[in-house]
Amino acid sequence: MKKILAVAIVGLFIFSAGMFSKTFAAETLKIGIVDLFRALNESDEGKKATSELESLIKSKQAVLEEKGKKIEAMRGDLEKQSAVLSADAKKAKEEEIERLIRDYQRLMSDSQAEVKKKEGELTEAILKELRQLINAVAQEQGYSLMLERAEGLILYANKSIDITDNLIKKYNDLKAKPAK
């Protein structure tokens, strides 16, 4: 619904701009497009965030793999000792394995939530800075309209109006400068 509304608004804006351009020939419509997803992933800060997330994921996976191996080892031991264990001892081992499985599932869920939260924290800050930079670039270069290249929203756009590469370069330069 939002995509349809956005397309309708853009269409209305372009149509109205076309109607007014005949009377206000001095004012031209300048449109730009930015691929925020690409800017986020290809900027130096985005690459650092991706690397940090991958490191976090690897550490969580290592802990989960260790716990999974422990559960599998306990299952194997139970199968081997099943014939010689008393019913109470067998039941106690099965309950211990079930408890470990619940702990494993809880740890997996907590790990996924932590990774998702960290990803949100890292990308939110970068996207906020990118949006501020987009506003500054749009005003500085006289853009009337700046659109985000989102999947399915923009069906065609000439590459000449895509400022993503320029935005990434400016963002990297901005972040490379030491804070004053």
C-alpha atoms as a PDB file:
ATOM      1  CA  MET A   1       0.000   0.000   0.000  1.00  0.00           C
ATOM      2  CA  LYS A   2       2.853   2.383   0.863  1.00  0.00           C
ATOM      3  CA  LYS A   3       4.563   1.607  -2.455  1.00  0.00           C
ATOM      4  CA  ILE A   4       1.410   2.384  -4.419  1.00  0.00           C
ATOM      5  CA  LEU A   5       0.932   5.617  -2.500  1.00  0.00           C
ATOM      6  CA  ALA A   6       4.573   6.583  -3.031  1.00  0.00           C
ATOM      7  CA  VAL A   7       4.364   5.892  -6.767  1.00  0.00           C
ATOM      8  CA  ALA A   8       1.119   7.876  -6.989  1.00  0.00           C
ATOM      9  CA  ILE A   9       2.678  10.829  -5.156  1.00  0.00           C
ATOM     10  CA  VAL A  10       5.790  10.736  -7.353  1.00  0.00           C
ATOM     11  CA  GLY A  11       3.608  10.502 -10.461  1.00  0.00           C
ATOM     12  CA  LEU A  12       1.472  13.417  -9.308  1.00  0.00           C
ATOM     13  CA  PHE A  13       4.598  15.418  -8.477  1.00  0.00           C
ATOM     14  CA  ILE A  14       6.125  14.751 -11.889  1.00  0.00           C
ATOM     15  CA  PHE A  15       2.826  15.467 -13.658  1.00  0.00           C
ATOM     16  CA  SER A  16       2.301  18.708 -11.760  1.00  0.00           C
ATOM     17  CA  ALA A  17       5.923  19.682 -12.335  1.00  0.00           C
ATOM     18  CA  GLY A  18       5.393  19.099 -16.055  1.00  0.00           C
ATOM     19  CA  MET A  19       2.315  21.312 -16.054  1.00  0.00           C
ATOM     20  CA  PHE A  20       4.048  24.089 -14.154  1.00  0.00           C
ATOM     21  CA  SER A  21       7.244  23.862 -16.181  1.00  0.00           C
ATOM     22  CA  LYS A  22       5.483  25.497 -19.114  1.00  0.00           C
ATOM     23  CA  THR A  23       4.682  28.558 -17.033  1.00  0.00           C
ATOM     24  CA  PHE A  24       7.837  28.547 -14.940  1.00  0.00           C
ATOM     25  CA  ALA A  25      10.444  27.623 -17.539  1.00  0.00           C
ATOM     26  CA  ALA A  26      13.295  28.943 -15.403  1.00  0.00           C
ATOM     27  CA  GLU A  27      12.664  26.317 -12.703  1.00  0.00           C
ATOM     28  CA  THR A  28      13.666  22.778 -13.692  1.00  0.00           C
ATOM     29  CA  LEU A  29      12.922  19.508 -11.981  1.00  0.00           C
ATOM     30  CA  LYS A  30      16.045  17.631 -10.922  1.00  0.00           C
ATOM     31  CA  ILE A  31      15.521  14.092  -9.652  1.00  0.00           C
ATOM     32  CA  GLY A  32      18.078  11.829  -8.045  1.00  0.00           C
ATOM     33  CA  ILE A  33      18.060   8.228  -6.906  1.00  0.00           C
ATOM     34  CA  VAL A  34      19.994   6.596  -4.070  1.00  0.00           C
ATOM     35  CA  ASP A  35      20.360   2.908  -3.318  1.00  0.00           C
ATOM     36  CA  LEU A  36      20.561   3.087   0.485  1.00  0.00           C
ATOM     37  CA  PHE A  37      21.045  -0.669   0.817  1.00  0.00           C
ATOM     38  CA  ARG A  38      24.083  -0.540  -1.457  1.00  0.00           C
ATOM     39  CA  ALA A  39      25.413   2.607   0.224  1.00  0.00           C
ATOM     40  CA  LEU A  40      25.088   0.939   3.609  1.00  0.00           C
ATOM     41  CA  ASN A  41      26.865  -2.241   2.510  1.00  0.00           C
ATOM     42  CA  GLU A  42      29.590  -0.679   0.363  1.00  0.00           C
ATOM     43  CA  SER A  43      30.584   2.227   2.602  1.00  0.00           C
ATOM     44  CA  ASP A  44      33.602   1.762   4.849  1.00  0.00           C
ATOM     45  CA  GLU A  45      31.431   2.112   7.966  1.00  0.00           C
ATOM     46  CA  GLY A  46      28.978  -0.435   6.565  1.00  0.00           C
ATOM     47  CA  LYS A  47      31.815  -2.878   5.902  1.00  0.00           C
ATOM     48  CA  LYS A  48      33.060  -2.412   9.478  1.00  0.00           C
ATOM     49  CA  ALA A  49      29.555  -3.061  10.793  1.00  0.00           C
ATOM     50  CA  THR A  50      29.246  -6.185   8.637  1.00  0.00           C
ATOM     51  CA  SER A  51      32.596  -7.435   9.892  1.00  0.00           C
ATOM     52  CA  GLU A  52      31.584  -6.788  13.497  1.00  0.00           C
ATOM     53  CA  LEU A  53      28.306  -8.641  12.980  1.00  0.00           C
ATOM     54  CA  GLU A  54      30.050 -11.591  11.330  1.00  0.00           C
ATOM     55  CA  SER A  55      32.449 -11.796  14.270  1.00  0.00           C
ATOM     56  CA  LEU A  56      29.544 -11.793  16.732  1.00  0.00           C
ATOM     57  CA  ILE A  57      27.722 -14.466  14.721  1.00  0.00           C
ATOM     58  CA  LYS A  58      30.822 -16.686  14.594  1.00  0.00           C
ATOM     59  CA  SER A  59      31.306 -16.459  18.358  1.00  0.00           C
ATOM     60  CA  LYS A  60      27.642 -17.318  18.967  1.00  0.00           C
ATOM     61  CA  GLN A  61      27.833 -20.213  16.506  1.00  0.00           C
ATOM     62  CA  ALA A  62      30.924 -21.608  18.244  1.00  0.00           C
ATOM     63  CA  VAL A  63      29.139 -21.645  21.611  1.00  0.00           C
ATOM     64  CA  LEU A  64      26.055 -23.257  20.060  1.00  0.00           C
ATOM     65  CA  GLU A  65      28.130 -25.896  18.267  1.00  0.00           C
ATOM     66  CA  GLU A  66      29.893 -26.769  21.520  1.00  0.00           C
ATOM     67  CA  LYS A  67      26.583 -27.201  23.344  1.00  0.00           C
ATOM     68  CA  GLY A  68      25.160 -29.200  20.427  1.00  0.00           C
ATOM     69  CA  LYS A  69      28.135 -31.569  20.499  1.00  0.00           C
ATOM     70  CA  LYS A  70      27.698 -32.022  24.244  1.00  0.00           C
ATOM     71  CA  ILE A  71      24.033 -32.965  23.739  1.00  0.00           C
ATOM     72  CA  GLU A  72      24.910 -35.416  20.959  1.00  0.00           C
ATOM     73  CA  ALA A  73      27.640 -36.973  23.126  1.00  0.00           C
ATOM     74  CA  MET A  74      25.183 -37.418  25.999  1.00  0.00           C
ATOM     75  CA  ARG A  75      22.644 -39.014  23.612  1.00  0.00           C
ATOM     76  CA  GLY A  76      25.322 -41.397  22.363  1.00  0.00           C
ATOM     77  CA  ASP A  77      26.326 -42.310  25.913  1.00  0.00           C
ATOM     78  CA  LEU A  78      22.693 -42.930  26.829  1.00  0.00           C
ATOM     79  CA  GLU A  79      22.229 -45.239  23.832  1.00  0.00           C
ATOM     80  CA  LYS A  80      25.389 -47.181  24.709  1.00  0.00           C
ATOM     81  CA  GLN A  81      24.526 -47.474  28.397  1.00  0.00           C
ATOM     82  CA  SER A  82      20.791 -47.940  27.900  1.00  0.00           C
ATOM     83  CA  ALA A  83      20.920 -51.696  28.438  1.00  0.00           C
ATOM     84  CA  VAL A  84      22.900 -51.514  31.708  1.00  0.00           C
ATOM     85  CA  LEU A  85      21.249 -48.458  33.300  1.00  0.00           C
ATOM     86  CA  SER A  86      18.409 -48.796  35.753  1.00  0.00           C
ATOM     87  CA  ALA A  87      15.070 -47.235  34.796  1.00  0.00           C
ATOM     88  CA  ASP A  88      15.609 -44.355  37.244  1.00  0.00           C
ATOM     89  CA  ALA A  89      19.143 -43.656  36.002  1.00  0.00           C
ATOM     90  CA  LYS A  90      17.958 -43.801  32.373  1.00  0.00           C
ATOM     91  CA  LYS A  91      15.092 -41.425  33.133  1.00  0.00           C
ATOM     92  CA  ALA A  92      17.459 -39.029  34.937  1.00  0.00           C
ATOM     93  CA  LYS A  93      19.819 -38.961  31.910  1.00  0.00           C
ATOM     94  CA  GLU A  94      16.899 -38.403  29.513  1.00  0.00           C
ATOM     95  CA  GLU A  95      15.665 -35.499  31.662  1.00  0.00           C
ATOM     96  CA  GLU A  96      19.169 -34.028  31.727  1.00  0.00           C
ATOM     97  CA  ILE A  97      19.345 -34.252  27.923  1.00  0.00           C
ATOM     98  CA  GLU A  98      15.901 -32.607  27.587  1.00  0.00           C
ATOM     99  CA  ARG A  99      17.017 -29.807  29.920  1.00  0.00           C
ATOM    100  CA  LEU A 100      20.170 -29.280  27.847  1.00  0.00           C
ATOM    101  CA  ILE A 101      18.073 -29.190  24.659  1.00  0.00           C
ATOM    102  CA  ARG A 102      15.802 -26.524  26.159  1.00  0.00           C
ATOM    103  CA  ASP A 103      18.876 -24.539  27.248  1.00  0.00           C
ATOM    104  CA  TYR A 104      20.313 -24.922  23.739  1.00  0.00           C
ATOM    105  CA  GLN A 105      17.089 -23.666  22.135  1.00  0.00           C
ATOM    106  CA  ARG A 106      16.893 -20.744  24.564  1.00  0.00           C
ATOM    107  CA  LEU A 107      20.534 -19.859  23.873  1.00  0.00           C
ATOM    108  CA  MET A 108      19.884 -20.002  20.125  1.00  0.00           C
ATOM    109  CA  SER A 109      16.873 -17.725  20.439  1.00  0.00           C
ATOM    110  CA  ASP A 110      18.775 -15.289  22.687  1.00  0.00           C
ATOM    111  CA  SER A 111      21.719 -15.290  20.282  1.00  0.00           C
ATOM    112  CA  GLN A 112      19.502 -14.521  17.299  1.00  0.00           C
ATOM    113  CA  ALA A 113      17.838 -11.680  19.202  1.00  0.00           C
ATOM    114  CA  GLU A 114      21.210 -10.271  20.252  1.00  0.00           C
ATOM    115  CA  VAL A 115      22.536 -10.376  16.671  1.00  0.00           C
ATOM    116  CA  LYS A 116      19.380  -8.721  15.360  1.00  0.00           C
ATOM    117  CA  LYS A 117      19.589  -6.000  18.016  1.00  0.00           C
ATOM    118  CA  LYS A 118      23.271  -5.367  17.275  1.00  0.00           C
ATOM    119  CA  GLU A 119      22.555  -5.193  13.541  1.00  0.00           C
ATOM    120  CA  GLY A 120      19.825  -2.640  14.208  1.00  0.00           C
ATOM    121  CA  GLU A 121      22.109  -0.528  16.364  1.00  0.00           C
ATOM    122  CA  LEU A 122      24.931  -0.553  13.830  1.00  0.00           C
ATOM    123  CA  THR A 123      22.844   0.107  10.733  1.00  0.00           C
ATOM    124  CA  GLU A 124      20.548   2.681  12.332  1.00  0.00           C
ATOM    125  CA  ALA A 125      23.421   5.050  13.048  1.00  0.00           C
ATOM    126  CA  ILE A 126      24.889   4.669   9.554  1.00  0.00           C
ATOM    127  CA  LEU A 127      21.514   5.105   7.831  1.00  0.00           C
ATOM    128  CA  LYS A 128      20.811   8.231   9.875  1.00  0.00           C
ATOM    129  CA  GLU A 129      24.120   9.746   8.785  1.00  0.00           C
ATOM    130  CA  LEU A 130      23.534   8.701   5.161  1.00  0.00           C
ATOM    131  CA  ARG A 131      20.097  10.336   5.145  1.00  0.00           C
ATOM    132  CA  GLN A 132      21.556  13.559   6.537  1.00  0.00           C
ATOM    133  CA  LEU A 133      24.239  13.476   3.859  1.00  0.00           C
ATOM    134  CA  ILE A 134      21.600  12.839   1.162  1.00  0.00           C
ATOM    135  CA  ASN A 135      19.686  15.926   2.326  1.00  0.00           C
ATOM    136  CA  ALA A 136      22.860  18.014   2.266  1.00  0.00           C
ATOM    137  CA  VAL A 137      23.880  16.772  -1.192  1.00  0.00           C
ATOM    138  CA  ALA A 138      20.357  17.272  -2.563  1.00  0.00           C
ATOM    139  CA  GLN A 139      20.227  20.863  -1.321  1.00  0.00           C
ATOM    140  CA  GLU A 140      23.789  21.616  -2.383  1.00  0.00           C
ATOM    141  CA  GLN A 141      23.285  20.257  -5.912  1.00  0.00           C
ATOM    142  CA  GLY A 142      19.759  21.604  -6.395  1.00  0.00           C
ATOM    143  CA  TYR A 143      17.737  18.398  -6.486  1.00  0.00           C
ATOM    144  CA  SER A 144      13.960  18.825  -6.395  1.00  0.00           C
ATOM    145  CA  LEU A 145      13.301  15.187  -5.538  1.00  0.00           C
ATOM    146  CA  MET A 146      15.448  12.366  -4.180  1.00  0.00           C
ATOM    147  CA  LEU A 147      14.098   8.812  -4.358  1.00  0.00           C
ATOM    148  CA  GLU A 148      15.319   5.624  -2.753  1.00  0.00           C
ATOM    149  CA  ARG A 149      15.965   2.751  -5.134  1.00  0.00           C
ATOM    150  CA  ALA A 150      13.945   0.064  -3.432  1.00  0.00           C
ATOM    151  CA  GLU A 151      13.006  -3.354  -4.760  1.00  0.00           C
ATOM    152  CA  GLY A 152       9.920  -3.030  -6.935  1.00  0.00           C
ATOM    153  CA  LEU A 153       9.341   0.661  -6.285  1.00  0.00           C
ATOM    154  CA  ILE A 154      11.328   2.115  -9.165  1.00  0.00           C
ATOM    155  CA  LEU A 155      10.885   0.135 -12.337  1.00  0.00           C
ATOM    156  CA  TYR A 156      13.346   2.115 -14.446  1.00  0.00           C
ATOM    157  CA  ALA A 157      15.707   4.988 -13.901  1.00  0.00           C
ATOM    158  CA  ASN A 158      18.540   6.258 -16.029  1.00  0.00           C
ATOM    159  CA  LYS A 159      21.871   5.561 -14.350  1.00  0.00           C
ATOM    160  CA  SER A 160      22.823   9.224 -14.741  1.00  0.00           C
ATOM    161  CA  ILE A 161      20.431  10.228 -11.933  1.00  0.00           C
ATOM    162  CA  ASP A 162      21.770   7.592  -9.504  1.00  0.00           C
ATOM    163  CA  ILE A 163      24.025   9.361  -6.988  1.00  0.00           C
ATOM    164  CA  THR A 164      24.807   6.267  -4.878  1.00  0.00           C
ATOM    165  CA  ASP A 165      28.497   6.060  -5.862  1.00  0.00           C
ATOM    166  CA  ASN A 166      28.955   9.766  -5.174  1.00  0.00           C
ATOM    167  CA  LEU A 167      27.176   9.392  -1.833  1.00  0.00           C
ATOM    168  CA  ILE A 168      29.383   6.456  -0.777  1.00  0.00           C
ATOM    169  CA  LYS A 169      32.531   8.415  -1.670  1.00  0.00           C
ATOM    170  CA  LYS A 170      31.374  11.517   0.220  1.00  0.00           C
ATOM    171  CA  TYR A 171      30.354   9.431   3.235  1.00  0.00           C
ATOM    172  CA  ASN A 172      33.685   7.607   3.320  1.00  0.00           C
ATOM    173  CA  ASP A 173      35.541  10.922   3.015  1.00  0.00           C
ATOM    174  CA  LEU A 174      33.410  12.427   5.781  1.00  0.00           C
ATOM    175  CA  LYS A 175      34.070   9.514   8.136  1.00  0.00           C
ATOM    176  CA  ALA A 176      37.788   9.427   7.275  1.00  0.00           C
ATOM    177  CA  LYS A 177      38.274  13.026   8.423  1.00  0.00           C
ATOM    178  CA  PRO A 178      39.349  13.251  12.060  1.00  0.00           C
ATOM    179  CA  ALA A 179      36.713  14.704  14.355  1.00  0.00           C
ATOM    180  CA  LYS A 180      37.434  18.295  15.339  1.00  0.00           C
END
